Amino acid sequence: MSESPLSPVTPRATTSKLRSNQDVVFIDVGARQIESNVVRDGIPIAVHDIDPDILNDVVIGEPIILYRIVSQSVKPGTPVPLDTVVDLTLARPNTLPVGIVRGVHEGLRATSIGNAYDRLVRGKPQAQRLVVRASEGPLSSTDVQVLKDLFLSGDVTIEDTVPGRDVQASIETLKMLTSFGTP
């Protein structure tokens, strides 16, 4: 096998950040050592031996951006044949308004999911208990009072006789926040 001084490499956008607009970039793979000749303001820049253990402790990786599926082309739970294409719509949930989900409490529709989560769910285990109990059936009068107190602590009032501000809308809001909110 003969060694070529230049070998073609096809850039891959997912793993490399090459700054070439070419489809093929040539890199030197010869046996001879390449001497760096980088100069800044007339001063040669030396090659330094970096301690990878220290570097790993210092360098911050790419930020983790949390996305949630907010809609899909096939209804969730629908059986589909193998190789079926399902279109997903992803979004950063904390910036979306609570009102993206129908049936939520009117007093929170314009509030971001992140803000509402912080106000009503974060650090409040009763919120998750209420969601579980609501999935099992109607809430008891004690649970309804816990729900009202929870919303009141988040500066939102539940009004029993006003659709969109009642217990059902409040439960729907908690269900949505526990699904989309970020712990």
Protein backbone atom coordinates (compact mmCIF):
# COMPACT_ATOMS: atom_id res chain seq x y z
CA MET A 1 0.00 0.00 0.00
CA SER A 2 1.54 3.28 -1.06
CA GLU A 3 1.09 6.36 1.05
CA SER A 4 -0.20 9.47 -0.62
CA PRO A 5 0.93 12.80 0.77
CA LEU A 6 -2.60 14.12 0.41
CA SER A 7 -5.72 12.07 1.04
CA PRO A 8 -9.27 13.26 0.37
CA VAL A 9 -11.57 13.58 3.34
CA THR A 10 -15.27 14.27 2.99
CA PRO A 11 -16.41 16.71 5.69
CA ARG A 12 -19.27 15.61 7.92
CA ALA A 13 -21.31 18.49 9.27
CA THR A 14 -22.47 16.52 12.29
CA THR A 15 -19.02 15.79 13.66
CA SER A 16 -16.75 18.44 12.23
CA LYS A 17 -16.70 22.18 12.06
CA LEU A 18 -14.53 22.52 8.98
CA ARG A 19 -14.46 25.98 7.51
CA SER A 20 -14.41 24.93 3.92
CA ASN A 21 -17.11 25.31 1.36
CA GLN A 22 -15.59 22.48 -0.68
CA ASP A 23 -17.06 18.99 -0.84
CA VAL A 24 -13.59 17.45 -0.50
CA VAL A 25 -10.87 18.80 1.75
CA PHE A 26 -7.32 17.51 1.44
CA ILE A 27 -5.26 16.86 4.54
CA ASP A 28 -1.60 15.87 4.81
CA VAL A 29 -1.10 12.27 6.04
CA GLY A 30 2.56 11.88 5.08
CA ALA A 31 5.18 10.16 7.22
CA ARG A 32 7.19 13.33 7.82
CA GLN A 33 6.45 15.52 10.84
CA ILE A 34 4.85 18.86 10.08
CA GLU A 35 6.43 21.87 11.73
CA SER A 36 3.99 24.51 12.87
CA ASN A 37 4.82 27.99 11.71
CA VAL A 38 2.12 30.12 13.31
CA VAL A 39 3.02 33.72 13.98
CA ARG A 40 1.03 36.37 15.82
CA ASP A 41 2.24 39.97 15.69
CA GLY A 42 5.63 38.76 14.49
CA ILE A 43 6.10 36.36 17.42
CA PRO A 44 6.12 32.61 16.80
CA ILE A 45 3.38 30.71 18.62
CA ALA A 46 4.78 27.62 20.31
CA VAL A 47 3.16 24.21 20.43
CA HIS A 48 2.16 23.32 24.00
CA ASP A 49 1.53 19.95 25.59
CA ILE A 50 -1.97 20.22 27.13
CA ASP A 51 -2.95 18.19 30.22
CA PRO A 52 -6.26 16.59 29.14
CA ASP A 53 -7.40 15.93 32.74
CA ILE A 54 -7.27 19.61 33.60
CA LEU A 55 -8.78 20.57 30.26
CA ASN A 56 -11.76 18.24 30.83
CA ASP A 57 -12.42 19.92 34.19
CA VAL A 58 -12.29 23.42 32.71
CA VAL A 59 -13.81 23.27 29.25
CA ILE A 60 -17.56 23.60 29.19
CA GLY A 61 -19.22 21.49 26.55
CA GLU A 62 -22.06 22.54 24.33
CA PRO A 63 -25.07 23.62 26.35
CA ILE A 64 -27.74 21.00 26.81
CA ILE A 65 -30.91 22.29 25.24
CA LEU A 66 -33.96 20.47 26.39
CA TYR A 67 -36.68 19.93 23.81
CA ARG A 68 -40.04 18.27 24.20
CA ILE A 69 -42.32 16.85 21.55
CA VAL A 70 -45.30 19.21 21.35
CA SER A 71 -47.08 17.54 18.44
CA GLN A 72 -46.72 14.66 16.02
CA SER A 73 -48.32 13.58 12.76
CA VAL A 74 -49.61 10.29 14.21
CA LYS A 75 -51.78 10.38 17.32
CA PRO A 76 -49.81 9.09 20.36
CA GLY A 77 -50.53 5.44 21.09
CA THR A 78 -51.56 4.64 17.52
CA PRO A 79 -49.94 1.41 16.24
CA VAL A 80 -48.10 2.01 12.97
CA PRO A 81 -46.26 -0.33 10.59
CA LEU A 82 -42.49 -0.58 10.78
CA ASP A 83 -40.70 2.21 8.85
CA THR A 84 -43.65 4.59 9.14
CA VAL A 85 -42.53 8.21 9.09
CA VAL A 86 -43.80 10.25 12.01
CA ASP A 87 -43.29 14.01 11.85
CA LEU A 88 -42.47 15.49 15.24
CA THR A 89 -42.65 19.11 16.32
CA LEU A 90 -40.10 19.90 19.01
CA ALA A 91 -39.89 23.04 21.12
CA ARG A 92 -38.10 24.40 24.13
CA PRO A 93 -40.89 23.98 26.64
CA ASN A 94 -39.86 26.61 29.16
CA THR A 95 -40.40 29.44 26.68
CA LEU A 96 -43.75 28.27 25.36
CA PRO A 97 -46.89 29.84 26.83
CA VAL A 98 -49.04 27.64 29.06
CA GLY A 99 -51.93 28.37 26.66
CA ILE A 100 -50.36 26.13 23.99
CA VAL A 101 -52.42 23.38 25.62
CA ARG A 102 -56.19 23.73 25.41
CA GLY A 103 -58.25 23.75 28.57
CA VAL A 104 -55.65 25.26 30.92
CA HIS A 105 -56.37 27.92 33.53
CA GLU A 106 -57.10 31.26 31.82
CA GLY A 107 -55.04 33.15 34.38
CA LEU A 108 -51.89 31.36 33.18
CA ARG A 109 -52.44 31.14 29.41
CA ALA A 110 -49.91 33.88 28.57
CA THR A 111 -47.39 32.80 31.23
CA SER A 112 -44.37 30.79 30.07
CA ILE A 113 -44.30 27.13 31.03
CA GLY A 114 -41.02 27.70 32.89
CA ASN A 115 -42.49 30.50 34.98
CA ALA A 116 -45.70 28.59 35.74
CA TYR A 117 -43.72 25.44 36.60
CA ASP A 118 -41.62 27.41 39.07
CA ARG A 119 -44.73 28.96 40.63
CA LEU A 120 -46.89 25.84 40.91
CA VAL A 121 -44.81 22.65 40.66
CA ARG A 122 -41.12 23.08 41.50
CA GLY A 123 -40.50 22.00 45.09
CA LYS A 124 -44.21 21.33 45.68
CA PRO A 125 -44.85 17.57 45.90
CA GLN A 126 -48.57 18.18 46.37
CA ALA A 127 -48.77 19.23 42.70
CA GLN A 128 -47.73 15.79 41.50
CA ARG A 129 -49.97 14.08 44.06
CA LEU A 130 -52.93 16.08 42.77
CA VAL A 131 -52.18 15.03 39.17
CA VAL A 132 -52.06 11.38 40.22
CA ARG A 133 -55.28 11.64 42.21
CA ALA A 134 -57.07 13.45 39.36
CA SER A 135 -56.10 10.62 36.99
CA GLU A 136 -57.82 8.17 39.34
CA GLY A 137 -61.11 10.06 39.44
CA PRO A 138 -62.74 13.20 40.86
CA LEU A 139 -60.81 15.03 43.57
CA SER A 140 -62.04 14.95 47.15
CA SER A 141 -63.01 18.21 48.83
CA THR A 142 -59.72 18.07 50.74
CA ASP A 143 -57.77 17.71 47.48
CA VAL A 144 -59.71 20.59 45.92
CA GLN A 145 -58.71 22.78 48.86
CA VAL A 146 -55.05 21.72 48.46
CA LEU A 147 -55.35 22.62 44.75
CA LYS A 148 -56.80 26.04 45.56
CA ASP A 149 -54.08 26.71 48.13
CA LEU A 150 -51.40 25.63 45.65
CA PHE A 151 -52.69 27.97 42.95
CA LEU A 152 -53.15 30.79 45.45
CA SER A 153 -49.48 30.38 46.48
CA GLY A 154 -48.67 30.92 42.80
CA ASP A 155 -50.84 34.09 42.66
CA VAL A 156 -53.63 32.40 40.69
CA THR A 157 -57.21 32.16 41.91
CA ILE A 158 -59.47 29.20 41.18
CA GLU A 159 -63.11 30.22 40.67
CA ASP A 160 -65.48 27.24 40.88
CA THR A 161 -68.22 28.77 38.73
CA VAL A 162 -66.08 30.32 35.98
CA PRO A 163 -65.15 27.99 33.08
CA GLY A 164 -61.44 28.25 32.30
CA ARG A 165 -60.69 29.28 35.88
CA ASP A 166 -62.26 26.30 37.64
CA VAL A 167 -60.87 23.12 39.20
CA GLN A 168 -60.88 21.23 35.89
CA ALA A 169 -58.80 23.93 34.15
CA SER A 170 -56.44 24.01 37.11
CA ILE A 171 -55.92 20.24 37.01
CA GLU A 172 -55.33 20.41 33.25
CA THR A 173 -52.70 23.09 33.92
CA LEU A 174 -50.92 20.90 36.48
CA LYS A 175 -51.02 17.92 34.11
CA MET A 176 -49.47 20.04 31.36
CA LEU A 177 -46.83 21.51 33.64
CA THR A 178 -45.75 18.10 34.94
CA SER A 179 -45.51 16.87 31.33
CA PHE A 180 -43.69 19.82 29.79
CA GLY A 181 -42.05 21.59 32.73
CA THR A 182 -38.40 21.14 33.54
CA PRO A 183 -37.60 19.70 36.98
